[in-house]
């Protein structure tokens, strides 16, 4: 089976909250990666999402360099919409 990973950068203008993190994350740009697999049983190319992750950078001086967390793409879309509405 063929897999692919796509990457995009999202930018938040305000602190935001997404399930899976201990608290609000600071405003800034974040890398979001989506892993998908090709569905081969169809007569046309179609991809199924396997996972979506977001990279959270570490805080300067902290022992954690950063983290990658699996997120729900709908939760990300909601957080981005709330950020845009607050702007």
Protein backbone atom coordinates (compact mmCIF):
# COMPACT_ATOMS: atom_id res chain seq x y z
CA UNK A 1 0.00 0.00 0.00
CA UNK A 2 1.25 3.48 -0.85
CA UNK A 3 1.38 6.15 1.87
CA UNK A 4 1.97 9.88 1.73
CA UNK A 5 2.47 12.67 4.24
CA UNK A 6 1.48 16.25 3.55
CA UNK A 7 2.64 19.19 5.61
CA UNK A 8 1.21 22.67 6.08
CA UNK A 9 1.84 25.60 8.37
CA UNK A 10 -1.03 27.10 10.34
CA UNK A 11 -0.77 30.41 12.16
CA UNK A 12 -2.65 31.43 15.28
CA UNK A 13 -2.86 35.12 16.18
CA UNK A 14 -3.96 34.36 19.73
CA UNK A 15 -3.29 31.63 22.30
CA UNK A 16 -5.36 28.55 21.46
CA UNK A 17 -6.60 25.32 22.98
CA UNK A 18 -6.79 21.91 21.27
CA UNK A 19 -7.67 18.68 23.08
CA UNK A 20 -4.61 16.64 23.93
CA UNK A 21 -2.49 19.45 25.36
CA UNK A 22 -2.09 20.42 29.00
CA UNK A 23 -3.21 23.99 28.44
CA UNK A 24 -3.34 26.89 26.02
CA UNK A 25 -0.60 27.11 23.42
CA UNK A 26 0.94 30.47 22.51
CA UNK A 27 0.12 32.34 19.33
CA UNK A 28 2.45 31.57 16.44
CA UNK A 29 3.02 29.29 13.46
CA UNK A 30 2.78 25.51 13.79
CA UNK A 31 3.51 22.63 11.42
CA UNK A 32 0.63 20.22 10.84
CA UNK A 33 1.27 16.89 9.11
CA UNK A 34 -1.34 14.52 7.71
CA UNK A 35 -0.51 10.89 6.91
CA UNK A 36 -2.72 9.14 4.36
CA UNK A 37 -2.86 5.81 2.56
CA UNK A 38 -3.96 5.11 -0.99
CA UNK A 39 -7.16 3.08 -1.28
CA UNK A 40 -6.41 0.57 -4.01
CA UNK A 41 -9.82 -1.10 -4.28
CA UNK A 42 -11.25 1.85 -6.22
CA UNK A 43 -11.03 2.60 -9.94
CA UNK A 44 -9.80 6.14 -9.19
CA UNK A 45 -7.16 7.45 -6.76
CA UNK A 46 -8.52 8.15 -3.30
CA UNK A 47 -6.69 8.70 -0.03
CA UNK A 48 -7.75 7.82 3.52
CA UNK A 49 -6.42 9.89 6.42
CA UNK A 50 -4.48 7.84 8.94
CA UNK A 51 -3.44 10.60 11.34
CA UNK A 52 -3.00 14.34 11.75
CA UNK A 53 -0.27 15.69 14.01
CA UNK A 54 0.84 19.13 15.15
CA UNK A 55 4.36 20.09 16.21
CA UNK A 56 4.52 22.16 19.38
CA UNK A 57 7.94 23.75 19.92
CA UNK A 58 9.59 23.57 23.32
CA UNK A 59 9.86 26.53 25.65
CA UNK A 60 13.30 28.12 25.91
CA UNK A 61 15.06 26.88 29.03
CA UNK A 62 12.64 23.98 29.57
CA UNK A 63 13.75 20.36 29.62
CA UNK A 64 11.26 19.43 26.85
CA UNK A 65 12.59 20.25 23.37
CA UNK A 66 9.13 20.06 21.82
CA UNK A 67 6.35 17.62 21.21
CA UNK A 68 4.28 16.13 18.44
CA UNK A 69 0.68 15.32 19.22
CA UNK A 70 -2.03 13.57 17.26
CA UNK A 71 -5.04 15.84 16.85
CA UNK A 72 -8.50 15.73 15.34
CA UNK A 73 -8.49 17.80 12.11
CA UNK A 74 -11.97 19.09 12.97
CA UNK A 75 -10.67 20.35 16.34
CA UNK A 76 -7.88 22.16 14.49
CA UNK A 77 -10.38 23.74 12.08
CA UNK A 78 -12.50 24.85 15.04
CA UNK A 79 -9.50 26.36 16.83
CA UNK A 80 -8.47 28.23 13.66
CA UNK A 81 -12.02 29.54 13.17
CA UNK A 82 -12.19 30.75 16.79
CA UNK A 83 -8.81 32.44 16.36
CA UNK A 84 -9.97 34.20 13.18
CA UNK A 85 -13.21 35.33 14.87
CA UNK A 86 -11.25 36.78 17.80
CA UNK A 87 -9.03 38.75 15.44
